[in-house]
């Protein structure tokens, strides 16, 4: 995992698979799609805030350094 994009990745398709998996147990229509979309947006927002704050504070833990730098760079490109 070198951080390069995966051309064949289809996030929308992956999300549909996850929803189908949940709905296969909980029932069709049991997923609140607008709420799921908000949750995904918030997750991106919190990742960005956490990583920016961690970089500002410095002294990044070795186990998190690559992830933090990757997220900050990725979000700075408008993702």
PDB file of N, CA and C in Angstrom:
ATOM      1  N   UNK A   1       0.851  -1.177   0.000  1.00  0.00           N
ATOM      2  CA  UNK A   1       0.000   0.000   0.000  1.00  0.00           C
ATOM      3  C   UNK A   1       0.888   1.227   0.000  1.00  0.00           C
ATOM      4  N   UNK A   2       1.069   1.768  -1.185  1.00  0.00           N
ATOM      5  CA  UNK A   2       1.961   2.916  -1.306  1.00  0.00           C
ATOM      6  C   UNK A   2       1.215   4.241  -1.392  1.00  0.00           C
ATOM      7  N   UNK A   3      -0.106   4.234  -1.216  1.00  0.00           N
ATOM      8  CA  UNK A   3      -0.877   5.464  -1.244  1.00  0.00           C
ATOM      9  C   UNK A   3      -1.342   5.865  -2.630  1.00  0.00           C
ATOM     10  N   UNK A   4      -0.952   5.112  -3.663  1.00  0.00           N
ATOM     11  CA  UNK A   4      -1.388   5.475  -5.011  1.00  0.00           C
ATOM     12  C   UNK A   4      -2.851   5.078  -5.200  1.00  0.00           C
ATOM     13  N   UNK A   5      -3.570   5.803  -6.058  1.00  0.00           N
ATOM     14  CA  UNK A   5      -4.992   5.495  -6.277  1.00  0.00           C
ATOM     15  C   UNK A   5      -5.191   4.113  -6.890  1.00  0.00           C
ATOM     16  N   UNK A   6      -6.322   3.552  -6.637  1.00  0.00           N
ATOM     17  CA  UNK A   6      -6.683   2.257  -7.210  1.00  0.00           C
ATOM     18  C   UNK A   6      -7.698   2.546  -8.315  1.00  0.00           C
ATOM     19  N   UNK A   7      -7.265   2.481  -9.589  1.00  0.00           N
ATOM     20  CA  UNK A   7      -8.143   2.880 -10.688  1.00  0.00           C
ATOM     21  C   UNK A   7      -9.451   2.099 -10.760  1.00  0.00           C
ATOM     22  N   UNK A   8      -9.419   0.831 -10.395  1.00  0.00           N
ATOM     23  CA  UNK A   8     -10.628   0.020 -10.499  1.00  0.00           C
ATOM     24  C   UNK A   8     -11.536   0.141  -9.280  1.00  0.00           C
ATOM     25  N   UNK A   9     -11.146   0.929  -8.282  1.00  0.00           N
ATOM     26  CA  UNK A   9     -11.976   1.102  -7.083  1.00  0.00           C
ATOM     27  C   UNK A   9     -13.250   1.870  -7.434  1.00  0.00           C
ATOM     28  N   UNK A  10     -14.363   1.388  -6.922  1.00  0.00           N
ATOM     29  CA  UNK A  10     -15.658   2.025  -7.167  1.00  0.00           C
ATOM     30  C   UNK A  10     -16.350   2.205  -5.813  1.00  0.00           C
ATOM     31  N   UNK A  11     -16.090   3.336  -5.139  1.00  0.00           N
ATOM     32  CA  UNK A  11     -16.646   3.543  -3.803  1.00  0.00           C
ATOM     33  C   UNK A  11     -18.164   3.390  -3.730  1.00  0.00           C
ATOM     34  N   UNK A  12     -18.877   3.877  -4.724  1.00  0.00           N
ATOM     35  CA  UNK A  12     -20.349   3.776  -4.701  1.00  0.00           C
ATOM     36  C   UNK A  12     -20.785   2.312  -4.750  1.00  0.00           C
ATOM     37  N   UNK A  13     -20.091   1.519  -5.550  1.00  0.00           N
ATOM     38  CA  UNK A  13     -20.418   0.102  -5.641  1.00  0.00           C
ATOM     39  C   UNK A  13     -20.129  -0.604  -4.303  1.00  0.00           C
ATOM     40  N   UNK A  14     -19.003  -0.277  -3.692  1.00  0.00           N
ATOM     41  CA  UNK A  14     -18.643  -0.854  -2.409  1.00  0.00           C
ATOM     42  C   UNK A  14     -19.689  -0.500  -1.348  1.00  0.00           C
ATOM     43  N   UNK A  15     -20.139   0.763  -1.347  1.00  0.00           N
ATOM     44  CA  UNK A  15     -21.179   1.196  -0.409  1.00  0.00           C
ATOM     45  C   UNK A  15     -22.471   0.409  -0.625  1.00  0.00           C
ATOM     46  N   UNK A  16     -22.837   0.176  -1.869  1.00  0.00           N
ATOM     47  CA  UNK A  16     -24.040  -0.607  -2.164  1.00  0.00           C
ATOM     48  C   UNK A  16     -23.917  -2.041  -1.659  1.00  0.00           C
ATOM     49  N   UNK A  17     -22.726  -2.620  -1.771  1.00  0.00           N
ATOM     50  CA  UNK A  17     -22.511  -3.971  -1.251  1.00  0.00           C
ATOM     51  C   UNK A  17     -22.693  -4.011   0.261  1.00  0.00           C
ATOM     52  N   UNK A  18     -22.169  -2.997   0.940  1.00  0.00           N
ATOM     53  CA  UNK A  18     -22.307  -2.937   2.404  1.00  0.00           C
ATOM     54  C   UNK A  18     -23.780  -2.816   2.780  1.00  0.00           C
ATOM     55  N   UNK A  19     -24.491  -1.927   2.097  1.00  0.00           N
ATOM     56  CA  UNK A  19     -25.925  -1.738   2.376  1.00  0.00           C
ATOM     57  C   UNK A  19     -26.684  -3.039   2.109  1.00  0.00           C
ATOM     58  N   UNK A  20     -26.381  -3.681   1.000  1.00  0.00           N
ATOM     59  CA  UNK A  20     -27.054  -4.943   0.672  1.00  0.00           C
ATOM     60  C   UNK A  20     -26.797  -5.989   1.752  1.00  0.00           C
ATOM     61  N   UNK A  21     -25.586  -6.011   2.285  1.00  0.00           N
ATOM     62  CA  UNK A  21     -25.270  -6.958   3.346  1.00  0.00           C
ATOM     63  C   UNK A  21     -26.098  -6.713   4.593  1.00  0.00           C
ATOM     64  N   UNK A  22     -26.195  -5.462   5.017  1.00  0.00           N
ATOM     65  CA  UNK A  22     -27.008  -5.128   6.192  1.00  0.00           C
ATOM     66  C   UNK A  22     -28.481  -5.426   5.935  1.00  0.00           C
ATOM     67  N   UNK A  23     -28.946  -5.005   4.761  1.00  0.00           N
ATOM     68  CA  UNK A  23     -30.368  -5.183   4.462  1.00  0.00           C
ATOM     69  C   UNK A  23     -30.739  -6.652   4.270  1.00  0.00           C
ATOM     70  N   UNK A  24     -29.773  -7.493   3.938  1.00  0.00           N
ATOM     71  CA  UNK A  24     -30.079  -8.920   3.811  1.00  0.00           C
ATOM     72  C   UNK A  24     -30.454  -9.522   5.163  1.00  0.00           C
ATOM     73  N   UNK A  25     -30.046  -8.888   6.237  1.00  0.00           N
ATOM     74  CA  UNK A  25     -30.371  -9.350   7.583  1.00  0.00           C
ATOM     75  C   UNK A  25     -31.504  -8.513   8.190  1.00  0.00           C
ATOM     76  N   UNK A  26     -31.380  -7.198   8.072  1.00  0.00           N
ATOM     77  CA  UNK A  26     -32.324  -6.289   8.738  1.00  0.00           C
ATOM     78  C   UNK A  26     -33.566  -5.990   7.903  1.00  0.00           C
ATOM     79  N   UNK A  27     -33.526  -6.312   6.626  1.00  0.00           N
ATOM     80  CA  UNK A  27     -34.666  -6.063   5.754  1.00  0.00           C
ATOM     81  C   UNK A  27     -34.416  -4.925   4.779  1.00  0.00           C
ATOM     82  N   UNK A  28     -34.996  -5.066   3.598  1.00  0.00           N
ATOM     83  CA  UNK A  28     -34.856  -4.055   2.548  1.00  0.00           C
ATOM     84  C   UNK A  28     -35.413  -2.727   3.061  1.00  0.00           C
ATOM     85  N   UNK A  29     -34.644  -1.669   2.836  1.00  0.00           N
ATOM     86  CA  UNK A  29     -35.077  -0.336   3.249  1.00  0.00           C
ATOM     87  C   UNK A  29     -34.745  -0.001   4.690  1.00  0.00           C
ATOM     88  N   UNK A  30     -34.057  -0.900   5.394  1.00  0.00           N
ATOM     89  CA  UNK A  30     -33.746  -0.646   6.802  1.00  0.00           C
ATOM     90  C   UNK A  30     -32.604   0.350   6.987  1.00  0.00           C
ATOM     91  N   UNK A  31     -31.863   0.608   5.936  1.00  0.00           N
ATOM     92  CA  UNK A  31     -30.764   1.567   6.009  1.00  0.00           C
ATOM     93  C   UNK A  31     -31.286   2.957   5.657  1.00  0.00           C
ATOM     94  N   UNK A  32     -31.044   3.907   6.530  1.00  0.00           N
ATOM     95  CA  UNK A  32     -31.401   5.307   6.292  1.00  0.00           C
ATOM     96  C   UNK A  32     -30.268   5.918   5.462  1.00  0.00           C
ATOM     97  N   UNK A  33     -30.451   5.944   4.151  1.00  0.00           N
ATOM     98  CA  UNK A  33     -29.377   6.374   3.253  1.00  0.00           C
ATOM     99  C   UNK A  33     -28.932   7.823   3.473  1.00  0.00           C
ATOM    100  N   UNK A  34     -29.842   8.786   3.693  1.00  0.00           N
ATOM    101  CA  UNK A  34     -29.367  10.144   3.982  1.00  0.00           C
ATOM    102  C   UNK A  34     -28.523  10.200   5.258  1.00  0.00           C
ATOM    103  N   UNK A  35     -28.913   9.426   6.250  1.00  0.00           N
ATOM    104  CA  UNK A  35     -28.145   9.396   7.496  1.00  0.00           C
ATOM    105  C   UNK A  35     -26.774   8.770   7.257  1.00  0.00           C
ATOM    106  N   UNK A  36     -26.717   7.720   6.456  1.00  0.00           N
ATOM    107  CA  UNK A  36     -25.446   7.086   6.119  1.00  0.00           C
ATOM    108  C   UNK A  36     -24.540   8.076   5.385  1.00  0.00           C
ATOM    109  N   UNK A  37     -25.099   8.830   4.453  1.00  0.00           N
ATOM    110  CA  UNK A  37     -24.312   9.830   3.718  1.00  0.00           C
ATOM    111  C   UNK A  37     -23.741  10.886   4.667  1.00  0.00           C
ATOM    112  N   UNK A  38     -24.546  11.324   5.637  1.00  0.00           N
ATOM    113  CA  UNK A  38     -24.059  12.297   6.631  1.00  0.00           C
ATOM    114  C   UNK A  38     -22.935  11.696   7.465  1.00  0.00           C
ATOM    115  N   UNK A  39     -23.083  10.436   7.849  1.00  0.00           N
ATOM    116  CA  UNK A  39     -22.059   9.773   8.646  1.00  0.00           C
ATOM    117  C   UNK A  39     -20.734   9.701   7.888  1.00  0.00           C
ATOM    118  N   UNK A  40     -20.796   9.393   6.605  1.00  0.00           N
ATOM    119  CA  UNK A  40     -19.576   9.317   5.798  1.00  0.00           C
ATOM    120  C   UNK A  40     -18.930  10.692   5.687  1.00  0.00           C
ATOM    121  N   UNK A  41     -19.738  11.729   5.483  1.00  0.00           N
ATOM    122  CA  UNK A  41     -19.219  13.098   5.415  1.00  0.00           C
ATOM    123  C   UNK A  41     -18.561  13.491   6.734  1.00  0.00           C
ATOM    124  N   UNK A  42     -19.214  13.179   7.836  1.00  0.00           N
ATOM    125  CA  UNK A  42     -18.646  13.495   9.151  1.00  0.00           C
ATOM    126  C   UNK A  42     -17.352  12.732   9.401  1.00  0.00           C
ATOM    127  N   UNK A  43     -17.296  11.481   8.974  1.00  0.00           N
ATOM    128  CA  UNK A  43     -16.074  10.691   9.148  1.00  0.00           C
ATOM    129  C   UNK A  43     -14.904  11.377   8.446  1.00  0.00           C
ATOM    130  N   UNK A  44     -15.119  11.821   7.220  1.00  0.00           N
ATOM    131  CA  UNK A  44     -14.059  12.513   6.485  1.00  0.00           C
ATOM    132  C   UNK A  44     -13.655  13.794   7.202  1.00  0.00           C
ATOM    133  N   UNK A  45     -14.642  14.530   7.697  1.00  0.00           N
ATOM    134  CA  UNK A  45     -14.384  15.777   8.411  1.00  0.00           C
ATOM    135  C   UNK A  45     -13.533  15.520   9.659  1.00  0.00           C
ATOM    136  N   UNK A  46     -13.911  14.515  10.449  1.00  0.00           N
ATOM    137  CA  UNK A  46     -13.178  14.223  11.682  1.00  0.00           C
ATOM    138  C   UNK A  46     -11.779  13.679  11.404  1.00  0.00           C
ATOM    139  N   UNK A  47     -11.617  12.861  10.369  1.00  0.00           N
ATOM    140  CA  UNK A  47     -10.275  12.407   9.988  1.00  0.00           C
ATOM    141  C   UNK A  47      -9.395  13.613   9.686  1.00  0.00           C
ATOM    142  N   UNK A  48      -9.935  14.536   8.902  1.00  0.00           N
ATOM    143  CA  UNK A  48      -9.170  15.717   8.524  1.00  0.00           C
ATOM    144  C   UNK A  48      -8.797  16.535   9.756  1.00  0.00           C
ATOM    145  N   UNK A  49      -9.760  16.797  10.627  1.00  0.00           N
ATOM    146  CA  UNK A  49      -9.491  17.594  11.831  1.00  0.00           C
ATOM    147  C   UNK A  49      -8.456  16.920  12.723  1.00  0.00           C
ATOM    148  N   UNK A  50      -8.636  15.617  12.951  1.00  0.00           N
ATOM    149  CA  UNK A  50      -7.707  14.870  13.798  1.00  0.00           C
ATOM    150  C   UNK A  50      -6.292  14.937  13.234  1.00  0.00           C
ATOM    151  N   UNK A  51      -6.160  14.670  11.935  1.00  0.00           N
ATOM    152  CA  UNK A  51      -4.838  14.610  11.322  1.00  0.00           C
ATOM    153  C   UNK A  51      -4.178  15.980  11.257  1.00  0.00           C
ATOM    154  N   UNK A  52      -4.941  17.011  10.933  1.00  0.00           N
ATOM    155  CA  UNK A  52      -4.376  18.368  10.928  1.00  0.00           C
ATOM    156  C   UNK A  52      -3.890  18.756  12.309  1.00  0.00           C
ATOM    157  N   UNK A  53      -4.694  18.471  13.337  1.00  0.00           N
ATOM    158  CA  UNK A  53      -4.312  18.803  14.706  1.00  0.00           C
ATOM    159  C   UNK A  53      -3.067  18.027  15.126  1.00  0.00           C
ATOM    160  N   UNK A  54      -3.018  16.764  14.762  1.00  0.00           N
ATOM    161  CA  UNK A  54      -1.854  15.939  15.107  1.00  0.00           C
ATOM    162  C   UNK A  54      -0.590  16.498  14.465  1.00  0.00           C
ATOM    163  N   UNK A  55      -0.690  16.925  13.214  1.00  0.00           N
ATOM    164  CA  UNK A  55       0.487  17.491  12.546  1.00  0.00           C
ATOM    165  C   UNK A  55       0.903  18.807  13.192  1.00  0.00           C
ATOM    166  N   UNK A  56      -0.070  19.630  13.558  1.00  0.00           N
ATOM    167  CA  UNK A  56       0.253  20.901  14.222  1.00  0.00           C
ATOM    168  C   UNK A  56       0.960  20.674  15.557  1.00  0.00           C
ATOM    169  N   UNK A  57       0.506  19.672  16.299  1.00  0.00           N
ATOM    170  CA  UNK A  57       1.103  19.393  17.599  1.00  0.00           C
ATOM    171  C   UNK A  57       2.471  18.739  17.471  1.00  0.00           C
ATOM    172  N   UNK A  58       2.713  18.062  16.340  1.00  0.00           N
ATOM    173  CA  UNK A  58       4.005  17.418  16.106  1.00  0.00           C
ATOM    174  C   UNK A  58       4.176  16.162  16.932  1.00  0.00           C
ATOM    175  N   UNK A  59       5.386  15.635  16.914  1.00  0.00           N
ATOM    176  CA  UNK A  59       5.722  14.416  17.651  1.00  0.00           C
ATOM    177  C   UNK A  59       4.718  13.305  17.359  1.00  0.00           C
ATOM    178  N   UNK A  60       4.528  13.012  16.057  1.00  0.00           N
ATOM    179  CA  UNK A  60       3.567  12.001  15.637  1.00  0.00           C
ATOM    180  C   UNK A  60       4.031  10.602  16.040  1.00  0.00           C
ATOM    181  N   UNK A  61       3.119   9.786  16.555  1.00  0.00           N
ATOM    182  CA  UNK A  61       3.494   8.401  16.859  1.00  0.00           C
ATOM    183  C   UNK A  61       3.904   7.693  15.570  1.00  0.00           C
ATOM    184  N   UNK A  62       4.953   6.916  15.626  1.00  0.00           N
ATOM    185  CA  UNK A  62       5.474   6.239  14.434  1.00  0.00           C
ATOM    186  C   UNK A  62       4.395   5.410  13.745  1.00  0.00           C
ATOM    187  N   UNK A  63       3.545   4.757  14.524  1.00  0.00           N
ATOM    188  CA  UNK A  63       2.507   3.899  13.946  1.00  0.00           C
ATOM    189  C   UNK A  63       1.428   4.693  13.214  1.00  0.00           C
ATOM    190  N   UNK A  64       1.299   5.983  13.502  1.00  0.00           N
ATOM    191  CA  UNK A  64       0.246   6.816  12.896  1.00  0.00           C
ATOM    192  C   UNK A  64       0.784   7.834  11.891  1.00  0.00           C
ATOM    193  N   UNK A  65       2.081   8.028  11.877  1.00  0.00           N
ATOM    194  CA  UNK A  65       2.661   9.102  11.064  1.00  0.00           C
ATOM    195  C   UNK A  65       2.295   9.001   9.585  1.00  0.00           C
ATOM    196  N   UNK A  66       2.435   7.825   8.988  1.00  0.00           N
ATOM    197  CA  UNK A  66       2.133   7.673   7.558  1.00  0.00           C
ATOM    198  C   UNK A  66       0.659   7.983   7.286  1.00  0.00           C
ATOM    199  N   UNK A  67      -0.238   7.452   8.117  1.00  0.00           N
ATOM    200  CA  UNK A  67      -1.672   7.678   7.943  1.00  0.00           C
ATOM    201  C   UNK A  67      -1.999   9.165   8.045  1.00  0.00           C
ATOM    202  N   UNK A  68      -1.473   9.829   9.058  1.00  0.00           N
ATOM    203  CA  UNK A  68      -1.759  11.246   9.276  1.00  0.00           C
ATOM    204  C   UNK A  68      -1.295  12.078   8.092  1.00  0.00           C
ATOM    205  N   UNK A  69      -0.075  11.850   7.653  1.00  0.00           N
ATOM    206  CA  UNK A  69       0.453  12.615   6.513  1.00  0.00           C
ATOM    207  C   UNK A  69      -0.333  12.318   5.241  1.00  0.00           C
ATOM    208  N   UNK A  70      -0.714  11.066   5.049  1.00  0.00           N
ATOM    209  CA  UNK A  70      -1.495  10.693   3.867  1.00  0.00           C
ATOM    210  C   UNK A  70      -2.840  11.410   3.853  1.00  0.00           C
ATOM    211  N   UNK A  71      -3.549  11.402   4.975  1.00  0.00           N
ATOM    212  CA  UNK A  71      -4.870  12.034   5.043  1.00  0.00           C
ATOM    213  C   UNK A  71      -4.757  13.534   4.814  1.00  0.00           C
ATOM    214  N   UNK A  72      -3.790  14.192   5.440  1.00  0.00           N
ATOM    215  CA  UNK A  72      -3.629  15.638   5.264  1.00  0.00           C
ATOM    216  C   UNK A  72      -3.352  15.962   3.798  1.00  0.00           C
ATOM    217  N   UNK A  73      -2.463  15.210   3.168  1.00  0.00           N
ATOM    218  CA  UNK A  73      -2.158  15.460   1.757  1.00  0.00           C
ATOM    219  C   UNK A  73      -3.358  15.166   0.868  1.00  0.00           C
ATOM    220  N   UNK A  74      -4.041  14.051   1.116  1.00  0.00           N
ATOM    221  CA  UNK A  74      -5.194  13.648   0.315  1.00  0.00           C
ATOM    222  C   UNK A  74      -6.309  14.684   0.410  1.00  0.00           C
ATOM    223  N   UNK A  75      -6.603  15.158   1.620  1.00  0.00           N
ATOM    224  CA  UNK A  75      -7.653  16.159   1.804  1.00  0.00           C
ATOM    225  C   UNK A  75      -7.250  17.504   1.208  1.00  0.00           C
ATOM    226  N   UNK A  76      -5.972  17.822   1.210  1.00  0.00           N
ATOM    227  CA  UNK A  76      -5.531  19.095   0.634  1.00  0.00           C
ATOM    228  C   UNK A  76      -5.730  19.127  -0.882  1.00  0.00           C
ATOM    229  N   UNK A  77      -5.889  17.956  -1.488  1.00  0.00           N
ATOM    230  CA  UNK A  77      -6.148  17.858  -2.929  1.00  0.00           C
ATOM    231  C   UNK A  77      -7.626  17.927  -3.253  1.00  0.00           C
ATOM    232  N   UNK A  78      -8.461  18.148  -2.226  1.00  0.00           N
ATOM    233  CA  UNK A  78      -9.883  18.335  -2.459  1.00  0.00           C
ATOM    234  C   UNK A  78     -10.738  17.082  -2.353  1.00  0.00           C
ATOM    235  N   UNK A  79     -10.219  16.018  -1.796  1.00  0.00           N
ATOM    236  CA  UNK A  79     -10.988  14.770  -1.651  1.00  0.00           C
ATOM    237  C   UNK A  79     -11.856  14.822  -0.424  1.00  0.00           C
TER     238      UNK A  79
END
